[in-house]
Amino acid sequence: MTIYSALTKSALSLCLPLWVLSLALYAQNQVMGEVHFIGPTKVEKSSGVWVDDQYVGYVKELKGNKKVLLLPGEHQIVVRQAGYRDFTQTVVVEPGQTLDVNIKMEKDPGVEYSKVTGEIKLQVTPDRAAVFLDGAFAGHVHDFGGFKRAMLVAPGKHHIKVALPGYQAFDTDVDLLPNQKVTIKTDLAPGSITQAGPSIKKD
């Protein structure tokens, strides 16, 4: 065997794993189907999305490297927003196809808002994590941090949970006085999806 042949054989052996990996990724993309979420207003775009009882993110961000790829078959989509009724739809995902889900949130007439409130700001990373107030989805961290962005809450005791798949959930309690302003700061610790709690992944 010549030196050239040996080098060529060695180069091919190094390239082979990359070729196999590319083929595997291509095959996987042919099997999976994509779900594309369409929200016409800011309300829909900032709403949280659950697929088969698992939180995946909020509508506006579910594209690019955060796009939702699912195995073919039937899946349940639930979209939630504070003060609105849940949007629920069962979809059938086809292999290699993109399915559009048009979301329309409707206000919940049964929701009552307090005339006197306190203010809770969140400084939490990652800021795409879901926020739950007293067990109900309230939005994501980005909604409640920064200039003129805060959670307006009735005075009294409240339980705050911040959770995201792949991180340990953060829980805290606040006892809010009228017109009081509170800031909650934390970094979510990396962890298993099982540590995100039942709000993120239903049991």
C-alpha atoms as a PDB file:
ATOM      1  CA  MET A   1       0.000   0.000   0.000  1.00  0.00           C
ATOM      2  CA  THR A   2       1.407   3.418  -0.957  1.00  0.00           C
ATOM      3  CA  ILE A   3       1.598   6.327   1.500  1.00  0.00           C
ATOM      4  CA  TYR A   4      -1.071   8.117  -0.578  1.00  0.00           C
ATOM      5  CA  SER A   5      -3.435   5.142  -0.354  1.00  0.00           C
ATOM      6  CA  ALA A   6      -2.890   4.872   3.384  1.00  0.00           C
ATOM      7  CA  LEU A   7      -3.588   8.569   3.875  1.00  0.00           C
ATOM      8  CA  THR A   8      -6.695   8.392   1.672  1.00  0.00           C
ATOM      9  CA  LYS A   9      -8.011   5.387   3.595  1.00  0.00           C
ATOM     10  CA  SER A  10      -7.325   7.160   6.893  1.00  0.00           C
ATOM     11  CA  ALA A  11      -9.126  10.328   5.722  1.00  0.00           C
ATOM     12  CA  LEU A  12     -12.138   8.304   4.581  1.00  0.00           C
ATOM     13  CA  SER A  13     -12.316   6.532   7.928  1.00  0.00           C
ATOM     14  CA  LEU A  14     -12.371   9.922   9.687  1.00  0.00           C
ATOM     15  CA  CYS A  15     -15.104  11.266   7.390  1.00  0.00           C
ATOM     16  CA  LEU A  16     -17.305   8.188   7.654  1.00  0.00           C
ATOM     17  CA  PRO A  17     -18.691   8.918  11.144  1.00  0.00           C
ATOM     18  CA  LEU A  18     -19.695  12.437  10.034  1.00  0.00           C
ATOM     19  CA  TRP A  19     -21.385  11.019   6.926  1.00  0.00           C
ATOM     20  CA  VAL A  20     -23.228   8.428   9.017  1.00  0.00           C
ATOM     21  CA  LEU A  21     -24.291  11.144  11.476  1.00  0.00           C
ATOM     22  CA  SER A  22     -25.548  13.385   8.658  1.00  0.00           C
ATOM     23  CA  LEU A  23     -27.517  10.480   7.190  1.00  0.00           C
ATOM     24  CA  ALA A  24     -29.026   9.698  10.592  1.00  0.00           C
ATOM     25  CA  LEU A  25     -30.057  13.334  11.105  1.00  0.00           C
ATOM     26  CA  TYR A  26     -31.539  13.458   7.608  1.00  0.00           C
ATOM     27  CA  ALA A  27     -33.500  10.260   8.257  1.00  0.00           C
ATOM     28  CA  GLN A  28     -34.732  11.601  11.582  1.00  0.00           C
ATOM     29  CA  ASN A  29     -35.959  14.823   9.965  1.00  0.00           C
ATOM     30  CA  GLN A  30     -37.811  12.751   7.365  1.00  0.00           C
ATOM     31  CA  VAL A  31     -39.581  10.840  10.158  1.00  0.00           C
ATOM     32  CA  MET A  32     -40.444  13.785  12.393  1.00  0.00           C
ATOM     33  CA  GLY A  33     -43.164  16.296  11.613  1.00  0.00           C
ATOM     34  CA  GLU A  34     -43.023  20.001  12.513  1.00  0.00           C
ATOM     35  CA  VAL A  35     -45.783  21.957  14.255  1.00  0.00           C
ATOM     36  CA  HIS A  36     -45.790  25.668  13.424  1.00  0.00           C
ATOM     37  CA  PHE A  37     -47.703  27.906  15.833  1.00  0.00           C
ATOM     38  CA  ILE A  38     -49.337  31.057  14.439  1.00  0.00           C
ATOM     39  CA  GLY A  39     -50.503  33.812  16.811  1.00  0.00           C
ATOM     40  CA  PRO A  40     -51.969  37.011  15.299  1.00  0.00           C
ATOM     41  CA  THR A  41     -51.638  39.265  18.366  1.00  0.00           C
ATOM     42  CA  LYS A  42     -49.272  39.867  21.282  1.00  0.00           C
ATOM     43  CA  VAL A  43     -51.618  37.864  23.520  1.00  0.00           C
ATOM     44  CA  GLU A  44     -51.223  34.706  21.429  1.00  0.00           C
ATOM     45  CA  LYS A  45     -47.510  35.246  20.783  1.00  0.00           C
ATOM     46  CA  SER A  46     -46.749  35.440  24.509  1.00  0.00           C
ATOM     47  CA  SER A  47     -48.961  32.463  25.448  1.00  0.00           C
ATOM     48  CA  GLY A  48     -47.440  29.256  26.812  1.00  0.00           C
ATOM     49  CA  VAL A  49     -47.650  26.034  24.790  1.00  0.00           C
ATOM     50  CA  TRP A  50     -48.054  22.490  26.110  1.00  0.00           C
ATOM     51  CA  VAL A  51     -47.732  19.466  23.826  1.00  0.00           C
ATOM     52  CA  ASP A  52     -49.051  16.194  25.258  1.00  0.00           C
ATOM     53  CA  ASP A  53     -49.138  17.802  28.738  1.00  0.00           C
ATOM     54  CA  GLN A  54     -45.533  19.025  28.542  1.00  0.00           C
ATOM     55  CA  TYR A  55     -44.567  22.695  28.429  1.00  0.00           C
ATOM     56  CA  VAL A  56     -42.406  23.480  25.378  1.00  0.00           C
ATOM     57  CA  GLY A  57     -42.177  27.303  25.463  1.00  0.00           C
ATOM     58  CA  TYR A  58     -44.171  30.337  24.390  1.00  0.00           C
ATOM     59  CA  VAL A  59     -45.603  30.806  20.902  1.00  0.00           C
ATOM     60  CA  LYS A  60     -43.287  33.541  19.626  1.00  0.00           C
ATOM     61  CA  GLU A  61     -40.083  31.594  20.344  1.00  0.00           C
ATOM     62  CA  LEU A  62     -41.076  28.211  18.909  1.00  0.00           C
ATOM     63  CA  LYS A  63     -39.152  28.479  15.655  1.00  0.00           C
ATOM     64  CA  GLY A  64     -35.589  28.043  14.408  1.00  0.00           C
ATOM     65  CA  ASN A  65     -33.577  25.964  16.872  1.00  0.00           C
ATOM     66  CA  LYS A  66     -36.617  25.886  19.185  1.00  0.00           C
ATOM     67  CA  LYS A  67     -39.074  24.638  16.570  1.00  0.00           C
ATOM     68  CA  VAL A  68     -41.361  21.812  17.678  1.00  0.00           C
ATOM     69  CA  LEU A  69     -40.647  18.462  15.986  1.00  0.00           C
ATOM     70  CA  LEU A  70     -42.950  15.580  16.881  1.00  0.00           C
ATOM     71  CA  LEU A  71     -43.249  11.907  16.030  1.00  0.00           C
ATOM     72  CA  PRO A  72     -46.030  11.158  13.530  1.00  0.00           C
ATOM     73  CA  GLY A  73     -49.434  10.563  15.061  1.00  0.00           C
ATOM     74  CA  GLU A  74     -51.989  12.313  17.235  1.00  0.00           C
ATOM     75  CA  HIS A  75     -50.915  14.998  19.717  1.00  0.00           C
ATOM     76  CA  GLN A  76     -52.786  17.334  22.032  1.00  0.00           C
ATOM     77  CA  ILE A  77     -51.926  21.033  21.939  1.00  0.00           C
ATOM     78  CA  VAL A  78     -52.899  23.334  24.821  1.00  0.00           C
ATOM     79  CA  VAL A  79     -52.109  27.060  24.803  1.00  0.00           C
ATOM     80  CA  ARG A  80     -52.491  29.053  28.030  1.00  0.00           C
ATOM     81  CA  GLN A  81     -52.516  32.726  28.917  1.00  0.00           C
ATOM     82  CA  ALA A  82     -53.464  34.464  32.174  1.00  0.00           C
ATOM     83  CA  GLY A  83     -57.005  35.877  31.986  1.00  0.00           C
ATOM     84  CA  TYR A  84     -57.891  33.779  28.923  1.00  0.00           C
ATOM     85  CA  ARG A  85     -59.524  30.426  28.327  1.00  0.00           C
ATOM     86  CA  ASP A  86     -57.234  27.564  27.374  1.00  0.00           C
ATOM     87  CA  PHE A  87     -56.947  26.976  23.645  1.00  0.00           C
ATOM     88  CA  THR A  88     -57.049  23.218  23.050  1.00  0.00           C
ATOM     89  CA  GLN A  89     -56.616  21.368  19.775  1.00  0.00           C
ATOM     90  CA  THR A  90     -55.855  17.766  18.821  1.00  0.00           C
ATOM     91  CA  VAL A  91     -53.620  17.503  15.765  1.00  0.00           C
ATOM     92  CA  VAL A  92     -52.341  14.669  13.572  1.00  0.00           C
ATOM     93  CA  VAL A  93     -48.687  15.045  12.621  1.00  0.00           C
ATOM     94  CA  GLU A  94     -47.523  13.492   9.336  1.00  0.00           C
ATOM     95  CA  PRO A  95     -43.909  12.369   8.673  1.00  0.00           C
ATOM     96  CA  GLY A  96     -41.750  15.134   7.191  1.00  0.00           C
ATOM     97  CA  GLN A  97     -44.684  17.563   7.003  1.00  0.00           C
ATOM     98  CA  THR A  98     -45.259  20.974   8.619  1.00  0.00           C
ATOM     99  CA  LEU A  99     -48.590  21.515  10.325  1.00  0.00           C
ATOM    100  CA  ASP A 100     -49.851  25.046  11.024  1.00  0.00           C
ATOM    101  CA  VAL A 101     -51.791  25.628  14.250  1.00  0.00           C
ATOM    102  CA  ASN A 102     -53.677  28.935  14.197  1.00  0.00           C
ATOM    103  CA  ILE A 103     -54.176  30.109  17.779  1.00  0.00           C
ATOM    104  CA  LYS A 104     -56.999  32.369  18.908  1.00  0.00           C
ATOM    105  CA  MET A 105     -57.233  33.179  22.607  1.00  0.00           C
ATOM    106  CA  GLU A 106     -60.579  34.198  24.112  1.00  0.00           C
ATOM    107  CA  LYS A 107     -60.921  36.210  27.313  1.00  0.00           C
ATOM    108  CA  ASP A 108     -62.264  34.362  30.332  1.00  0.00           C
ATOM    109  CA  PRO A 109     -65.269  36.391  31.563  1.00  0.00           C
ATOM    110  CA  GLY A 110     -65.045  34.683  34.953  1.00  0.00           C
ATOM    111  CA  VAL A 111     -61.670  36.234  35.809  1.00  0.00           C
ATOM    112  CA  GLU A 112     -61.822  39.087  38.325  1.00  0.00           C
ATOM    113  CA  TYR A 113     -59.018  41.578  38.824  1.00  0.00           C
ATOM    114  CA  SER A 114     -58.256  43.345  42.086  1.00  0.00           C
ATOM    115  CA  LYS A 115     -58.478  47.157  42.091  1.00  0.00           C
ATOM    116  CA  VAL A 116     -55.655  47.309  44.642  1.00  0.00           C
ATOM    117  CA  THR A 117     -52.476  45.458  43.681  1.00  0.00           C
ATOM    118  CA  GLY A 118     -48.866  44.876  44.557  1.00  0.00           C
ATOM    119  CA  GLU A 119     -46.076  44.406  42.032  1.00  0.00           C
ATOM    120  CA  ILE A 120     -43.786  41.420  41.523  1.00  0.00           C
ATOM    121  CA  LYS A 121     -40.776  41.666  39.224  1.00  0.00           C
ATOM    122  CA  LEU A 122     -38.709  38.661  38.174  1.00  0.00           C
ATOM    123  CA  GLN A 123     -35.003  38.553  37.391  1.00  0.00           C
ATOM    124  CA  VAL A 124     -34.572  34.884  36.535  1.00  0.00           C
ATOM    125  CA  THR A 125     -32.441  33.049  33.994  1.00  0.00           C
ATOM    126  CA  PRO A 126     -33.334  31.526  31.605  1.00  0.00           C
ATOM    127  CA  ASP A 127     -35.946  34.221  30.999  1.00  0.00           C
ATOM    128  CA  ARG A 128     -38.004  31.882  28.765  1.00  0.00           C
ATOM    129  CA  ALA A 129     -39.036  29.846  31.810  1.00  0.00           C
ATOM    130  CA  ALA A 130     -42.732  29.561  32.642  1.00  0.00           C
ATOM    131  CA  VAL A 131     -44.164  31.426  35.641  1.00  0.00           C
ATOM    132  CA  PHE A 132     -47.033  30.084  37.749  1.00  0.00           C
ATOM    133  CA  LEU A 133     -48.958  32.154  40.293  1.00  0.00           C
ATOM    134  CA  ASP A 134     -50.851  30.086  42.868  1.00  0.00           C
ATOM    135  CA  GLY A 135     -50.720  27.088  40.511  1.00  0.00           C
ATOM    136  CA  ALA A 136     -52.035  28.917  37.414  1.00  0.00           C
ATOM    137  CA  PHE A 137     -49.906  29.808  34.391  1.00  0.00           C
ATOM    138  CA  ALA A 138     -49.166  33.548  34.484  1.00  0.00           C
ATOM    139  CA  GLY A 139     -46.699  33.965  31.601  1.00  0.00           C
ATOM    140  CA  HIS A 140     -42.953  33.630  31.149  1.00  0.00           C
ATOM    141  CA  VAL A 141     -40.151  35.376  33.034  1.00  0.00           C
ATOM    142  CA  HIS A 142     -39.504  37.915  30.272  1.00  0.00           C
ATOM    143  CA  ASP A 143     -43.069  39.256  30.753  1.00  0.00           C
ATOM    144  CA  PHE A 144     -42.303  40.314  34.315  1.00  0.00           C
ATOM    145  CA  GLY A 145     -38.827  41.826  34.207  1.00  0.00           C
ATOM    146  CA  GLY A 146     -37.333  45.038  32.905  1.00  0.00           C
ATOM    147  CA  PHE A 147     -38.770  48.487  32.322  1.00  0.00           C
ATOM    148  CA  LYS A 148     -42.567  48.722  32.814  1.00  0.00           C
ATOM    149  CA  ARG A 149     -42.904  44.935  32.999  1.00  0.00           C
ATOM    150  CA  ALA A 150     -44.195  43.405  36.227  1.00  0.00           C
ATOM    151  CA  MET A 151     -46.838  41.038  37.585  1.00  0.00           C
ATOM    152  CA  LEU A 152     -49.714  42.943  39.234  1.00  0.00           C
ATOM    153  CA  VAL A 153     -51.108  40.816  42.043  1.00  0.00           C
ATOM    154  CA  ALA A 154     -53.792  41.245  44.692  1.00  0.00           C
ATOM    155  CA  PRO A 155     -52.376  41.825  48.206  1.00  0.00           C
ATOM    156  CA  GLY A 156     -51.932  38.739  50.378  1.00  0.00           C
ATOM    157  CA  LYS A 157     -50.054  35.456  50.354  1.00  0.00           C
ATOM    158  CA  HIS A 158     -49.097  33.972  46.989  1.00  0.00           C
ATOM    159  CA  HIS A 159     -47.013  31.062  45.752  1.00  0.00           C
ATOM    160  CA  ILE A 160     -44.663  31.665  42.822  1.00  0.00           C
ATOM    161  CA  LYS A 161     -43.162  28.844  40.767  1.00  0.00           C
ATOM    162  CA  VAL A 162     -40.687  29.265  37.903  1.00  0.00           C
ATOM    163  CA  ALA A 163     -40.014  26.161  35.821  1.00  0.00           C
ATOM    164  CA  LEU A 164     -38.569  25.008  32.520  1.00  0.00           C
ATOM    165  CA  PRO A 165     -37.837  21.516  31.141  1.00  0.00           C
ATOM    166  CA  GLY A 166     -34.202  20.642  31.774  1.00  0.00           C
ATOM    167  CA  TYR A 167     -33.987  22.767  34.938  1.00  0.00           C
ATOM    168  CA  GLN A 168     -34.900  22.371  38.583  1.00  0.00           C
ATOM    169  CA  ALA A 169     -38.074  24.284  39.444  1.00  0.00           C
ATOM    170  CA  PHE A 170     -37.821  27.325  41.721  1.00  0.00           C
ATOM    171  CA  ASP A 171     -40.554  27.889  44.330  1.00  0.00           C
ATOM    172  CA  THR A 172     -41.098  30.773  46.705  1.00  0.00           C
ATOM    173  CA  ASP A 173     -43.889  32.395  48.725  1.00  0.00           C
ATOM    174  CA  VAL A 174     -44.599  36.107  49.033  1.00  0.00           C
ATOM    175  CA  ASP A 175     -46.898  38.008  51.385  1.00  0.00           C
ATOM    176  CA  LEU A 176     -47.677  41.140  49.418  1.00  0.00           C
ATOM    177  CA  LEU A 177     -48.907  44.399  50.943  1.00  0.00           C
ATOM    178  CA  PRO A 178     -51.042  46.877  48.936  1.00  0.00           C
ATOM    179  CA  ASN A 179     -48.854  48.817  46.461  1.00  0.00           C
ATOM    180  CA  GLN A 180     -45.753  46.931  47.606  1.00  0.00           C
ATOM    181  CA  LYS A 181     -43.046  46.182  45.039  1.00  0.00           C
ATOM    182  CA  VAL A 182     -41.082  42.920  45.275  1.00  0.00           C
ATOM    183  CA  THR A 183     -38.262  41.628  43.062  1.00  0.00           C
ATOM    184  CA  ILE A 184     -37.425  37.925  42.900  1.00  0.00           C
ATOM    185  CA  LYS A 185     -33.945  37.032  41.656  1.00  0.00           C
ATOM    186  CA  THR A 186     -32.572  33.571  40.915  1.00  0.00           C
ATOM    187  CA  ASP A 187     -30.844  31.396  38.333  1.00  0.00           C
ATOM    188  CA  LEU A 188     -32.528  28.075  37.597  1.00  0.00           C
ATOM    189  CA  ALA A 189     -30.176  25.174  38.270  1.00  0.00           C
ATOM    190  CA  PRO A 190     -29.747  22.641  35.439  1.00  0.00           C
ATOM    191  CA  GLY A 191     -31.523  19.351  36.048  1.00  0.00           C
ATOM    192  CA  SER A 192     -33.758  16.643  34.632  1.00  0.00           C
ATOM    193  CA  ILE A 193     -37.173  17.325  33.113  1.00  0.00           C
ATOM    194  CA  THR A 194     -38.580  15.284  36.017  1.00  0.00           C
ATOM    195  CA  GLN A 195     -37.451  18.078  38.355  1.00  0.00           C
ATOM    196  CA  ALA A 196     -39.562  20.681  36.533  1.00  0.00           C
ATOM    197  CA  GLY A 197     -42.660  19.561  38.449  1.00  0.00           C
ATOM    198  CA  PRO A 198     -46.247  18.752  37.467  1.00  0.00           C
ATOM    199  CA  SER A 199     -46.971  22.281  36.177  1.00  0.00           C
ATOM    200  CA  ILE A 200     -44.503  21.692  33.344  1.00  0.00           C
ATOM    201  CA  LYS A 201     -45.071  17.996  32.802  1.00  0.00           C
ATOM    202  CA  LYS A 202     -48.368  16.496  33.905  1.00  0.00           C
ATOM    203  CA  ASP A 203     -48.303  13.189  35.788  1.00  0.00           C
END
